Amino acid sequence: MAPDLPEATVLLADRAYDSHWFRQTLDARGIAACIPTHRNHKRRFPYDPILYRQRHRIENLFARLKDWRRIHTRYDRCADVFLAAVTFACIFLFWINES
């Protein structure tokens, strides 16, 4: 998974991504992890709760994209056509919110 990560400075993720090897991989790439620690872990890692709260915007975008039947069922087998459909949906959603 490490080579597939894009260049970034901070990674916002939920508790499911709180693992030692994942945090080490992020540190090796110079990416700060904004991941809350599992409640049952003995060692607590610091994270920015204000930045973490902004994660809901990303989740809301994916929730609105999944309202589009073509996207949530992945009708398009070709990756280029699927990306075009996602791009069109994002532009449309942005245009609706601006009006």
C-alpha atoms as a PDB file:
ATOM      1  CA  MET A   1       0.000   0.000   0.000  1.00  0.00           C
ATOM      2  CA  ALA A   2       2.909   2.368   0.642  1.00  0.00           C
ATOM      3  CA  PRO A   3       3.978   2.884  -2.993  1.00  0.00           C
ATOM      4  CA  ASP A   4       0.376   3.687  -3.925  1.00  0.00           C
ATOM      5  CA  LEU A   5       0.070   6.593  -1.485  1.00  0.00           C
ATOM      6  CA  PRO A   6       0.187  10.010  -3.184  1.00  0.00           C
ATOM      7  CA  GLU A   7       2.477  12.812  -2.034  1.00  0.00           C
ATOM      8  CA  ALA A   8       0.902  14.436   1.029  1.00  0.00           C
ATOM      9  CA  THR A   9       1.792  16.124   4.307  1.00  0.00           C
ATOM     10  CA  VAL A  10      -1.105  14.870   6.466  1.00  0.00           C
ATOM     11  CA  LEU A  11      -3.282  11.770   6.256  1.00  0.00           C
ATOM     12  CA  LEU A  12      -6.783  11.937   7.748  1.00  0.00           C
ATOM     13  CA  ALA A  13      -8.122   8.504   8.627  1.00  0.00           C
ATOM     14  CA  ASP A  14     -10.417   6.851  11.127  1.00  0.00           C
ATOM     15  CA  ARG A  15      -9.548   4.395  13.875  1.00  0.00           C
ATOM     16  CA  ALA A  16      -9.557   1.460  11.467  1.00  0.00           C
ATOM     17  CA  TYR A  17      -6.192   2.646  10.125  1.00  0.00           C
ATOM     18  CA  ASP A  18      -4.595   2.829  13.572  1.00  0.00           C
ATOM     19  CA  SER A  19      -1.890   0.197  13.284  1.00  0.00           C
ATOM     20  CA  HIS A  20       1.769   0.313  14.139  1.00  0.00           C
ATOM     21  CA  TRP A  21       3.037  -0.698  10.695  1.00  0.00           C
ATOM     22  CA  PHE A  22       0.802   1.867   8.959  1.00  0.00           C
ATOM     23  CA  ARG A  23       2.037   4.685  11.189  1.00  0.00           C
ATOM     24  CA  GLN A  24       5.652   3.601  10.575  1.00  0.00           C
ATOM     25  CA  THR A  25       5.056   3.656   6.816  1.00  0.00           C
ATOM     26  CA  LEU A  26       3.600   7.156   7.023  1.00  0.00           C
ATOM     27  CA  ASP A  27       6.513   8.368   9.149  1.00  0.00           C
ATOM     28  CA  ALA A  28       9.004   6.906   6.677  1.00  0.00           C
ATOM     29  CA  ARG A  29       7.348   8.882   3.879  1.00  0.00           C
ATOM     30  CA  GLY A  30       7.208  12.079   5.950  1.00  0.00           C
ATOM     31  CA  ILE A  31       3.425  12.105   6.257  1.00  0.00           C
ATOM     32  CA  ALA A  32       1.857  13.196   9.547  1.00  0.00           C
ATOM     33  CA  ALA A  33      -0.906  10.856  10.684  1.00  0.00           C
ATOM     34  CA  CYS A  34      -4.128  12.396  11.969  1.00  0.00           C
ATOM     35  CA  ILE A  35      -5.582   9.118  13.224  1.00  0.00           C
ATOM     36  CA  PRO A  36      -7.204   8.718  16.641  1.00  0.00           C
ATOM     37  CA  THR A  37      -5.907   5.798  18.665  1.00  0.00           C
ATOM     38  CA  HIS A  38      -8.087   2.761  19.373  1.00  0.00           C
ATOM     39  CA  ARG A  39      -9.605   2.908  22.828  1.00  0.00           C
ATOM     40  CA  ASN A  40      -8.032  -0.371  23.896  1.00  0.00           C
ATOM     41  CA  HIS A  41      -4.445   0.557  22.937  1.00  0.00           C
ATOM     42  CA  LYS A  42      -2.075   1.225  25.807  1.00  0.00           C
ATOM     43  CA  ARG A  43       0.030   3.776  23.938  1.00  0.00           C
ATOM     44  CA  ARG A  44      -1.828   6.894  22.805  1.00  0.00           C
ATOM     45  CA  PHE A  45      -0.662   8.808  19.744  1.00  0.00           C
ATOM     46  CA  PRO A  46      -1.380  12.535  19.490  1.00  0.00           C
ATOM     47  CA  TYR A  47      -3.615  13.837  16.705  1.00  0.00           C
ATOM     48  CA  ASP A  48      -5.271  17.147  15.855  1.00  0.00           C
ATOM     49  CA  PRO A  49      -8.983  16.835  16.768  1.00  0.00           C
ATOM     50  CA  ILE A  50      -9.904  20.032  14.896  1.00  0.00           C
ATOM     51  CA  LEU A  51      -8.347  18.749  11.671  1.00  0.00           C
ATOM     52  CA  TYR A  52      -9.902  15.329  12.259  1.00  0.00           C
ATOM     53  CA  ARG A  53     -13.387  16.871  12.433  1.00  0.00           C
ATOM     54  CA  GLN A  54     -12.916  18.168   8.881  1.00  0.00           C
ATOM     55  CA  ARG A  55     -12.897  14.544   7.702  1.00  0.00           C
ATOM     56  CA  HIS A  56     -16.689  14.578   7.535  1.00  0.00           C
ATOM     57  CA  ARG A  57     -16.544  16.759   4.424  1.00  0.00           C
ATOM     58  CA  ILE A  58     -14.723  14.038   2.540  1.00  0.00           C
ATOM     59  CA  GLU A  59     -17.155  11.403   3.762  1.00  0.00           C
ATOM     60  CA  ASN A  60     -20.102  13.591   2.745  1.00  0.00           C
ATOM     61  CA  LEU A  61     -18.672  13.905  -0.771  1.00  0.00           C
ATOM     62  CA  PHE A  62     -18.456  10.128  -1.139  1.00  0.00           C
ATOM     63  CA  ALA A  63     -21.959   9.735   0.285  1.00  0.00           C
ATOM     64  CA  ARG A  64     -23.321  12.162  -2.313  1.00  0.00           C
ATOM     65  CA  LEU A  65     -21.403  10.446  -5.096  1.00  0.00           C
ATOM     66  CA  LYS A  66     -22.930   7.118  -4.126  1.00  0.00           C
ATOM     67  CA  ASP A  67     -26.374   8.624  -4.757  1.00  0.00           C
ATOM     68  CA  TRP A  68     -25.490   8.315  -8.438  1.00  0.00           C
ATOM     69  CA  ARG A  69     -26.484   4.792  -9.452  1.00  0.00           C
ATOM     70  CA  ARG A  70     -23.898   4.604 -12.224  1.00  0.00           C
ATOM     71  CA  ILE A  71     -21.099   5.252  -9.745  1.00  0.00           C
ATOM     72  CA  HIS A  72     -22.118   3.169  -6.742  1.00  0.00           C
ATOM     73  CA  THR A  73     -22.754   0.075  -8.881  1.00  0.00           C
ATOM     74  CA  ARG A  74     -19.719   0.732 -11.113  1.00  0.00           C
ATOM     75  CA  TYR A  75     -21.447   0.073 -14.425  1.00  0.00           C
ATOM     76  CA  ASP A  76     -18.417   1.189 -16.412  1.00  0.00           C
ATOM     77  CA  ARG A  77     -15.715  -1.428 -16.728  1.00  0.00           C
ATOM     78  CA  CYS A  78     -13.231   0.915 -18.336  1.00  0.00           C
ATOM     79  CA  ALA A  79     -11.400   3.022 -15.733  1.00  0.00           C
ATOM     80  CA  ASP A  80     -11.355   6.092 -17.993  1.00  0.00           C
ATOM     81  CA  VAL A  81     -15.117   6.059 -18.480  1.00  0.00           C
ATOM     82  CA  PHE A  82     -15.679   5.512 -14.752  1.00  0.00           C
ATOM     83  CA  LEU A  83     -13.372   8.441 -13.912  1.00  0.00           C
ATOM     84  CA  ALA A  84     -15.268  10.581 -16.417  1.00  0.00           C
ATOM     85  CA  ALA A  85     -18.560   9.677 -14.717  1.00  0.00           C
ATOM     86  CA  VAL A  86     -17.140  10.525 -11.280  1.00  0.00           C
ATOM     87  CA  THR A  87     -15.773  13.813 -12.630  1.00  0.00           C
ATOM     88  CA  PHE A  88     -19.124  14.704 -14.176  1.00  0.00           C
ATOM     89  CA  ALA A  89     -20.931  13.892 -10.925  1.00  0.00           C
ATOM     90  CA  CYS A  90     -18.501  16.036  -8.913  1.00  0.00           C
ATOM     91  CA  ILE A  91     -18.917  18.967 -11.304  1.00  0.00           C
ATOM     92  CA  PHE A  92     -22.691  18.609 -11.203  1.00  0.00           C
ATOM     93  CA  LEU A  93     -22.766  18.436  -7.388  1.00  0.00           C
ATOM     94  CA  PHE A  94     -20.499  21.470  -7.152  1.00  0.00           C
ATOM     95  CA  TRP A  95     -22.691  23.362  -9.626  1.00  0.00           C
ATOM     96  CA  ILE A  96     -25.860  22.488  -7.653  1.00  0.00           C
ATOM     97  CA  ASN A  97     -24.298  23.731  -4.414  1.00  0.00           C
ATOM     98  CA  GLU A  98     -23.221  27.020  -6.002  1.00  0.00           C
ATOM     99  CA  SER A  99     -26.723  27.814  -7.312  1.00  0.00           C
END
